[in-house]
Amino acid sequence: MRVLGIDPGLTRCGIGVVDVAGNRRATLVDVVVLRSSAKLDTPERLVRIADGLEAIFDEHRPHAVALERVFARSDVSTIMGTAQISGVAMLLASRRSLPVTLHTPSEVKAAITGYGGADKRQVGHMVARILGLAEVPKPADAADALALAICHAWRTGGVAGAAIRDAAAGGASARALTDEAGSSLTPAQRAWRAAERSAGVSGATRRLRK
């Protein structure tokens, strides 16, 4: 299953493409951060992001699209830009008859780390671990887009827990760890802690196009 994850934004739009095999193993296909300058008029900025999205759709031909659900924030301009790019992405996907699924940030965090309140650092480290990358994709928009794609494949396949355990296998031991308060961590949280403590992650480093 090839999934295209989109972390929508008018200034920076993260795009991540992953393949997920029948054994739940996720493989990086591509990751890109599309950008548009705030000095440009909004219509021109939308065209630039749309052109980049179309090129990625045509190059990688995903089977499904995962998009972050827009939610209320105090910054109205951020909401507007996110909503505008989300609309562009849904339009382009619909023209290609691709299914689009919206995932909330907490859903993505829970699928990737086992904890819906995880921070971006935790998500980024677990994305790198899952995909076998030597470093966390940057900027954060890139890691978030990949997390969206992985989340979608795992949630629709109903194998999130098993995939998290698979991601932790072969590296530092995911032995029972406790948090600072001494309470037990979930298996996914232990997997992330073990990945964070490992000296490095094997696998090729993907060059990020910015």
C-alpha atoms as a PDB file:
ATOM      1  CA  MET A   1       0.000   0.000   0.000  1.00  0.00           C
ATOM      2  CA  ARG A   2       1.446   3.358  -0.991  1.00  0.00           C
ATOM      3  CA  VAL A   3       0.205   6.297   1.074  1.00  0.00           C
ATOM      4  CA  LEU A   4       0.839   9.984   0.521  1.00  0.00           C
ATOM      5  CA  GLY A   5       0.724  11.968   3.756  1.00  0.00           C
ATOM      6  CA  ILE A   6       0.196  15.720   3.701  1.00  0.00           C
ATOM      7  CA  ASP A   7       0.889  18.127   6.550  1.00  0.00           C
ATOM      8  CA  PRO A   8      -0.890  21.150   5.028  1.00  0.00           C
ATOM      9  CA  GLY A   9       0.474  24.660   5.281  1.00  0.00           C
ATOM     10  CA  LEU A  10       0.688  27.681   3.024  1.00  0.00           C
ATOM     11  CA  THR A  11       4.282  28.612   3.909  1.00  0.00           C
ATOM     12  CA  ARG A  12       5.518  25.017   4.334  1.00  0.00           C
ATOM     13  CA  CYS A  13       3.589  21.962   3.190  1.00  0.00           C
ATOM     14  CA  GLY A  14       5.094  18.643   4.220  1.00  0.00           C
ATOM     15  CA  ILE A  15       4.665  15.700   1.848  1.00  0.00           C
ATOM     16  CA  GLY A  16       5.634  12.147   2.786  1.00  0.00           C
ATOM     17  CA  VAL A  17       5.225   8.994   0.707  1.00  0.00           C
ATOM     18  CA  VAL A  18       5.596   5.545   2.237  1.00  0.00           C
ATOM     19  CA  ASP A  19       5.065   1.965   1.113  1.00  0.00           C
ATOM     20  CA  VAL A  20       3.653  -0.437   3.700  1.00  0.00           C
ATOM     21  CA  ALA A  21       4.004  -4.135   2.936  1.00  0.00           C
ATOM     22  CA  GLY A  22       1.745  -6.975   3.999  1.00  0.00           C
ATOM     23  CA  ASN A  23       4.087  -7.715   6.902  1.00  0.00           C
ATOM     24  CA  ARG A  24       3.484  -4.147   8.171  1.00  0.00           C
ATOM     25  CA  ARG A  25       7.004  -2.979   7.317  1.00  0.00           C
ATOM     26  CA  ALA A  26       7.031   0.688   6.282  1.00  0.00           C
ATOM     27  CA  THR A  27       9.524   1.976   3.698  1.00  0.00           C
ATOM     28  CA  LEU A  28      10.310   5.559   2.784  1.00  0.00           C
ATOM     29  CA  VAL A  29       9.593   6.441  -0.841  1.00  0.00           C
ATOM     30  CA  ASP A  30       9.987  10.215  -0.791  1.00  0.00           C
ATOM     31  CA  VAL A  31       9.690  13.214   1.496  1.00  0.00           C
ATOM     32  CA  VAL A  32       9.424  16.819   0.355  1.00  0.00           C
ATOM     33  CA  VAL A  33       8.620  20.176   1.924  1.00  0.00           C
ATOM     34  CA  LEU A  34       6.883  22.480  -0.543  1.00  0.00           C
ATOM     35  CA  ARG A  35       7.279  26.188   0.178  1.00  0.00           C
ATOM     36  CA  SER A  36       5.699  29.466  -0.868  1.00  0.00           C
ATOM     37  CA  SER A  37       6.863  32.950   0.072  1.00  0.00           C
ATOM     38  CA  ALA A  38       4.643  35.177   2.193  1.00  0.00           C
ATOM     39  CA  LYS A  39       5.632  38.005  -0.154  1.00  0.00           C
ATOM     40  CA  LEU A  40       3.483  36.490  -2.911  1.00  0.00           C
ATOM     41  CA  ASP A  41      -0.259  36.952  -3.287  1.00  0.00           C
ATOM     42  CA  THR A  42      -2.311  34.098  -1.863  1.00  0.00           C
ATOM     43  CA  PRO A  43      -3.571  32.846  -5.274  1.00  0.00           C
ATOM     44  CA  GLU A  44       0.004  32.549  -6.549  1.00  0.00           C
ATOM     45  CA  ARG A  45       1.060  30.764  -3.382  1.00  0.00           C
ATOM     46  CA  LEU A  46      -1.756  28.256  -3.817  1.00  0.00           C
ATOM     47  CA  VAL A  47      -0.707  27.641  -7.417  1.00  0.00           C
ATOM     48  CA  ARG A  48       2.884  26.937  -6.378  1.00  0.00           C
ATOM     49  CA  ILE A  49       1.861  24.403  -3.752  1.00  0.00           C
ATOM     50  CA  ALA A  50      -0.696  22.852  -6.113  1.00  0.00           C
ATOM     51  CA  ASP A  51       1.896  22.448  -8.875  1.00  0.00           C
ATOM     52  CA  GLY A  52       4.248  20.698  -6.460  1.00  0.00           C
ATOM     53  CA  LEU A  53       1.491  18.404  -5.222  1.00  0.00           C
ATOM     54  CA  GLU A  54       0.452  17.475  -8.743  1.00  0.00           C
ATOM     55  CA  ALA A  55       4.016  16.557  -9.659  1.00  0.00           C
ATOM     56  CA  ILE A  56       4.272  14.298  -6.603  1.00  0.00           C
ATOM     57  CA  PHE A  57       0.900  12.671  -7.289  1.00  0.00           C
ATOM     58  CA  ASP A  58       1.935  11.937 -10.871  1.00  0.00           C
ATOM     59  CA  GLU A  59       5.406  10.692  -9.962  1.00  0.00           C
ATOM     60  CA  HIS A  60       4.506   8.349  -7.106  1.00  0.00           C
ATOM     61  CA  ARG A  61       0.893   7.353  -7.886  1.00  0.00           C
ATOM     62  CA  PRO A  62      -0.259   6.679  -4.312  1.00  0.00           C
ATOM     63  CA  HIS A  63      -3.174   4.407  -3.453  1.00  0.00           C
ATOM     64  CA  ALA A  64      -4.482   6.694  -0.713  1.00  0.00           C
ATOM     65  CA  VAL A  65      -4.000  10.167   0.730  1.00  0.00           C
ATOM     66  CA  ALA A  66      -3.765  10.990   4.446  1.00  0.00           C
ATOM     67  CA  LEU A  67      -4.339  14.602   5.435  1.00  0.00           C
ATOM     68  CA  GLU A  68      -4.103  16.311   8.804  1.00  0.00           C
ATOM     69  CA  ARG A  69      -7.507  17.463   9.988  1.00  0.00           C
ATOM     70  CA  VAL A  70      -7.738  21.231  10.434  1.00  0.00           C
ATOM     71  CA  PHE A  71      -8.488  22.215  14.013  1.00  0.00           C
ATOM     72  CA  ALA A  72      -9.061  25.549  15.745  1.00  0.00           C
ATOM     73  CA  ARG A  73      -6.042  27.600  16.732  1.00  0.00           C
ATOM     74  CA  SER A  74      -5.641  31.122  18.031  1.00  0.00           C
ATOM     75  CA  ASP A  75      -3.831  32.223  14.873  1.00  0.00           C
ATOM     76  CA  VAL A  76      -6.569  32.773  12.289  1.00  0.00           C
ATOM     77  CA  SER A  77      -4.087  33.264   9.438  1.00  0.00           C
ATOM     78  CA  THR A  78      -2.589  29.834  10.165  1.00  0.00           C
ATOM     79  CA  ILE A  79      -6.041  28.234  10.124  1.00  0.00           C
ATOM     80  CA  MET A  80      -6.846  29.869   6.795  1.00  0.00           C
ATOM     81  CA  GLY A  81      -3.612  28.785   5.120  1.00  0.00           C
ATOM     82  CA  THR A  82      -3.956  25.232   6.410  1.00  0.00           C
ATOM     83  CA  ALA A  83      -7.576  25.021   5.268  1.00  0.00           C
ATOM     84  CA  GLN A  84      -6.754  26.429   1.838  1.00  0.00           C
ATOM     85  CA  ILE A  85      -3.990  23.898   1.191  1.00  0.00           C
ATOM     86  CA  SER A  86      -6.191  21.102   2.540  1.00  0.00           C
ATOM     87  CA  GLY A  87      -8.835  22.039  -0.019  1.00  0.00           C
ATOM     88  CA  VAL A  88      -6.277  22.051  -2.828  1.00  0.00           C
ATOM     89  CA  ALA A  89      -4.979  18.634  -1.785  1.00  0.00           C
ATOM     90  CA  MET A  90      -8.461  17.115  -1.570  1.00  0.00           C
ATOM     91  CA  LEU A  91      -9.365  18.510  -4.986  1.00  0.00           C
ATOM     92  CA  LEU A  92      -6.256  17.053  -6.633  1.00  0.00           C
ATOM     93  CA  ALA A  93      -6.791  13.683  -4.961  1.00  0.00           C
ATOM     94  CA  SER A  94     -10.472  13.600  -5.937  1.00  0.00           C
ATOM     95  CA  ARG A  95      -9.612  14.289  -9.579  1.00  0.00           C
ATOM     96  CA  ARG A  96      -7.477  11.143  -9.463  1.00  0.00           C
ATOM     97  CA  SER A  97     -10.217   9.147  -7.692  1.00  0.00           C
ATOM     98  CA  LEU A  98      -7.963   8.686  -4.667  1.00  0.00           C
ATOM     99  CA  PRO A  99      -9.527   8.166  -1.218  1.00  0.00           C
ATOM    100  CA  VAL A 100      -8.702  10.930   1.263  1.00  0.00           C
ATOM    101  CA  THR A 101      -8.767  10.336   5.021  1.00  0.00           C
ATOM    102  CA  LEU A 102      -8.403  13.045   7.642  1.00  0.00           C
ATOM    103  CA  HIS A 103      -6.492  12.254  10.831  1.00  0.00           C
ATOM    104  CA  THR A 104      -6.247  14.462  13.905  1.00  0.00           C
ATOM    105  CA  PRO A 105      -2.818  15.186  15.378  1.00  0.00           C
ATOM    106  CA  SER A 106      -3.658  13.127  18.477  1.00  0.00           C
ATOM    107  CA  GLU A 107      -4.629  10.140  16.303  1.00  0.00           C
ATOM    108  CA  VAL A 108      -1.308  10.324  14.497  1.00  0.00           C
ATOM    109  CA  LYS A 109       0.676  10.650  17.731  1.00  0.00           C
ATOM    110  CA  ALA A 110      -1.158   7.710  19.283  1.00  0.00           C
ATOM    111  CA  ALA A 111      -0.545   5.495  16.246  1.00  0.00           C
ATOM    112  CA  ILE A 112       3.157   6.362  16.006  1.00  0.00           C
ATOM    113  CA  THR A 113       4.157   6.565  19.679  1.00  0.00           C
ATOM    114  CA  GLY A 114       1.250   5.018  21.567  1.00  0.00           C
ATOM    115  CA  TYR A 115       0.570   8.342  23.309  1.00  0.00           C
ATOM    116  CA  GLY A 116      -1.800  10.989  21.936  1.00  0.00           C
ATOM    117  CA  GLY A 117       0.007  13.760  23.803  1.00  0.00           C
ATOM    118  CA  ALA A 118       3.479  13.032  22.424  1.00  0.00           C
ATOM    119  CA  ASP A 119       5.547  16.011  21.294  1.00  0.00           C
ATOM    120  CA  LYS A 120       7.073  16.551  17.864  1.00  0.00           C
ATOM    121  CA  ARG A 121      10.468  15.306  19.024  1.00  0.00           C
ATOM    122  CA  GLN A 122       9.012  11.980  20.091  1.00  0.00           C
ATOM    123  CA  VAL A 123       7.065  11.614  16.854  1.00  0.00           C
ATOM    124  CA  GLY A 124      10.113  12.477  14.748  1.00  0.00           C
ATOM    125  CA  HIS A 125      12.347   9.952  16.505  1.00  0.00           C
ATOM    126  CA  MET A 126       9.784   7.191  16.152  1.00  0.00           C
ATOM    127  CA  VAL A 127       9.239   7.980  12.452  1.00  0.00           C
ATOM    128  CA  ALA A 128      12.996   7.651  11.893  1.00  0.00           C
ATOM    129  CA  ARG A 129      13.029   4.376  13.809  1.00  0.00           C
ATOM    130  CA  ILE A 130      10.082   2.930  11.918  1.00  0.00           C
ATOM    131  CA  LEU A 131      11.528   3.835   8.510  1.00  0.00           C
ATOM    132  CA  GLY A 132      15.107   2.821   9.354  1.00  0.00           C
ATOM    133  CA  LEU A 133      16.528   6.317   8.866  1.00  0.00           C
ATOM    134  CA  ALA A 134      19.830   7.445  10.340  1.00  0.00           C
ATOM    135  CA  GLU A 135      18.375  10.796  11.354  1.00  0.00           C
ATOM    136  CA  VAL A 136      15.019  12.448  11.964  1.00  0.00           C
ATOM    137  CA  PRO A 137      13.560  14.046   8.810  1.00  0.00           C
ATOM    138  CA  LYS A 138      13.662  17.840   8.995  1.00  0.00           C
ATOM    139  CA  PRO A 139      11.993  20.256   9.190  1.00  0.00           C
ATOM    140  CA  ALA A 140       9.187  19.016  11.433  1.00  0.00           C
ATOM    141  CA  ASP A 141       6.699  19.308   8.554  1.00  0.00           C
ATOM    142  CA  ALA A 142       8.538  16.470   6.793  1.00  0.00           C
ATOM    143  CA  ALA A 143       8.396  14.134   9.790  1.00  0.00           C
ATOM    144  CA  ASP A 144       4.738  15.031  10.400  1.00  0.00           C
ATOM    145  CA  ALA A 145       3.799  14.174   6.817  1.00  0.00           C
ATOM    146  CA  LEU A 146       5.524  10.782   7.068  1.00  0.00           C
ATOM    147  CA  ALA A 147       3.811  10.156  10.400  1.00  0.00           C
ATOM    148  CA  LEU A 148       0.455  10.854   8.764  1.00  0.00           C
ATOM    149  CA  ALA A 149       1.146   8.357   5.989  1.00  0.00           C
ATOM    150  CA  ILE A 150       2.300   5.654   8.406  1.00  0.00           C
ATOM    151  CA  CYS A 151      -0.634   6.317  10.736  1.00  0.00           C
ATOM    152  CA  HIS A 152      -3.102   5.910   7.890  1.00  0.00           C
ATOM    153  CA  ALA A 153      -1.639   2.614   6.709  1.00  0.00           C
ATOM    154  CA  TRP A 154      -1.527   1.198  10.231  1.00  0.00           C
ATOM    155  CA  ARG A 155      -4.969   2.404  11.292  1.00  0.00           C
ATOM    156  CA  THR A 156      -6.687   1.194   8.164  1.00  0.00           C
ATOM    157  CA  GLY A 157      -4.841  -2.098   8.452  1.00  0.00           C
ATOM    158  CA  GLY A 158      -5.669  -2.404  12.135  1.00  0.00           C
ATOM    159  CA  VAL A 159      -2.086  -3.287  13.008  1.00  0.00           C
ATOM    160  CA  ALA A 160      -0.781  -0.205  14.785  1.00  0.00           C
ATOM    161  CA  GLY A 161       0.317  -2.023  17.906  1.00  0.00           C
ATOM    162  CA  ALA A 162       2.099  -4.799  16.032  1.00  0.00           C
ATOM    163  CA  ALA A 163       3.805  -2.305  13.750  1.00  0.00           C
ATOM    164  CA  ILE A 164       5.136  -0.354  16.711  1.00  0.00           C
ATOM    165  CA  ARG A 165       6.544  -3.553  18.190  1.00  0.00           C
ATOM    166  CA  ASP A 166       8.105  -4.422  14.834  1.00  0.00           C
ATOM    167  CA  ALA A 167       9.732  -0.995  14.660  1.00  0.00           C
ATOM    168  CA  ALA A 168      11.391  -1.535  18.007  1.00  0.00           C
ATOM    169  CA  ALA A 169      12.724  -4.998  17.150  1.00  0.00           C
ATOM    170  CA  GLY A 170      16.421  -5.404  16.472  1.00  0.00           C
ATOM    171  CA  GLY A 171      17.503  -2.202  18.202  1.00  0.00           C
ATOM    172  CA  ALA A 172      17.903  -1.298  21.824  1.00  0.00           C
ATOM    173  CA  SER A 173      15.861  -3.494  24.137  1.00  0.00           C
ATOM    174  CA  ALA A 174      12.325  -2.268  24.785  1.00  0.00           C
ATOM    175  CA  ARG A 175      12.454  -3.646  28.286  1.00  0.00           C
ATOM    176  CA  ALA A 176      10.002  -2.445  30.900  1.00  0.00           C
ATOM    177  CA  LEU A 177      10.779   1.178  31.572  1.00  0.00           C
ATOM    178  CA  THR A 178       9.091   3.587  33.909  1.00  0.00           C
ATOM    179  CA  ASP A 179       8.527   7.303  33.575  1.00  0.00           C
ATOM    180  CA  GLU A 180       9.806   9.865  36.034  1.00  0.00           C
ATOM    181  CA  ALA A 181       6.804   9.323  38.314  1.00  0.00           C
ATOM    182  CA  GLY A 182       7.443   5.583  38.368  1.00  0.00           C
ATOM    183  CA  SER A 183       4.256   4.578  36.521  1.00  0.00           C
ATOM    184  CA  SER A 184       4.348   1.905  33.829  1.00  0.00           C
ATOM    185  CA  LEU A 185       4.656   2.962  30.214  1.00  0.00           C
ATOM    186  CA  THR A 186       2.692   1.491  27.342  1.00  0.00           C
ATOM    187  CA  PRO A 187       4.495  -0.898  24.965  1.00  0.00           C
ATOM    188  CA  ALA A 188       4.603   1.834  22.311  1.00  0.00           C
ATOM    189  CA  GLN A 189       6.063   4.351  24.754  1.00  0.00           C
ATOM    190  CA  ARG A 190       8.704   1.829  25.830  1.00  0.00           C
ATOM    191  CA  ALA A 191       9.524   1.226  22.162  1.00  0.00           C
ATOM    192  CA  TRP A 192      10.045   4.937  21.615  1.00  0.00           C
ATOM    193  CA  ARG A 193      12.182   5.270  24.750  1.00  0.00           C
ATOM    194  CA  ALA A 194      14.323   2.352  23.605  1.00  0.00           C
ATOM    195  CA  ALA A 195      14.697   3.857  20.132  1.00  0.00           C
ATOM    196  CA  GLU A 196      15.688   7.196  21.623  1.00  0.00           C
ATOM    197  CA  ARG A 197      18.340   5.593  23.808  1.00  0.00           C
ATOM    198  CA  SER A 198      19.913   3.571  21.032  1.00  0.00           C
ATOM    199  CA  ALA A 199      23.218   4.930  19.761  1.00  0.00           C
ATOM    200  CA  GLY A 200      21.997   5.135  16.184  1.00  0.00           C
ATOM    201  CA  VAL A 201      19.516   3.797  13.706  1.00  0.00           C
ATOM    202  CA  SER A 202      20.666   1.587  10.873  1.00  0.00           C
ATOM    203  CA  GLY A 203      19.526   2.275   7.344  1.00  0.00           C
ATOM    204  CA  ALA A 204      20.178   4.702   4.562  1.00  0.00           C
ATOM    205  CA  THR A 205      19.693   8.402   5.122  1.00  0.00           C
ATOM    206  CA  ARG A 206      17.190   9.974   2.766  1.00  0.00           C
ATOM    207  CA  ARG A 207      18.118  13.319   1.263  1.00  0.00           C
ATOM    208  CA  LEU A 208      15.396  15.864   1.892  1.00  0.00           C
ATOM    209  CA  ARG A 209      14.368  18.180  -0.881  1.00  0.00           C
ATOM    210  CA  LYS A 210      13.597  21.631   0.463  1.00  0.00           C
END
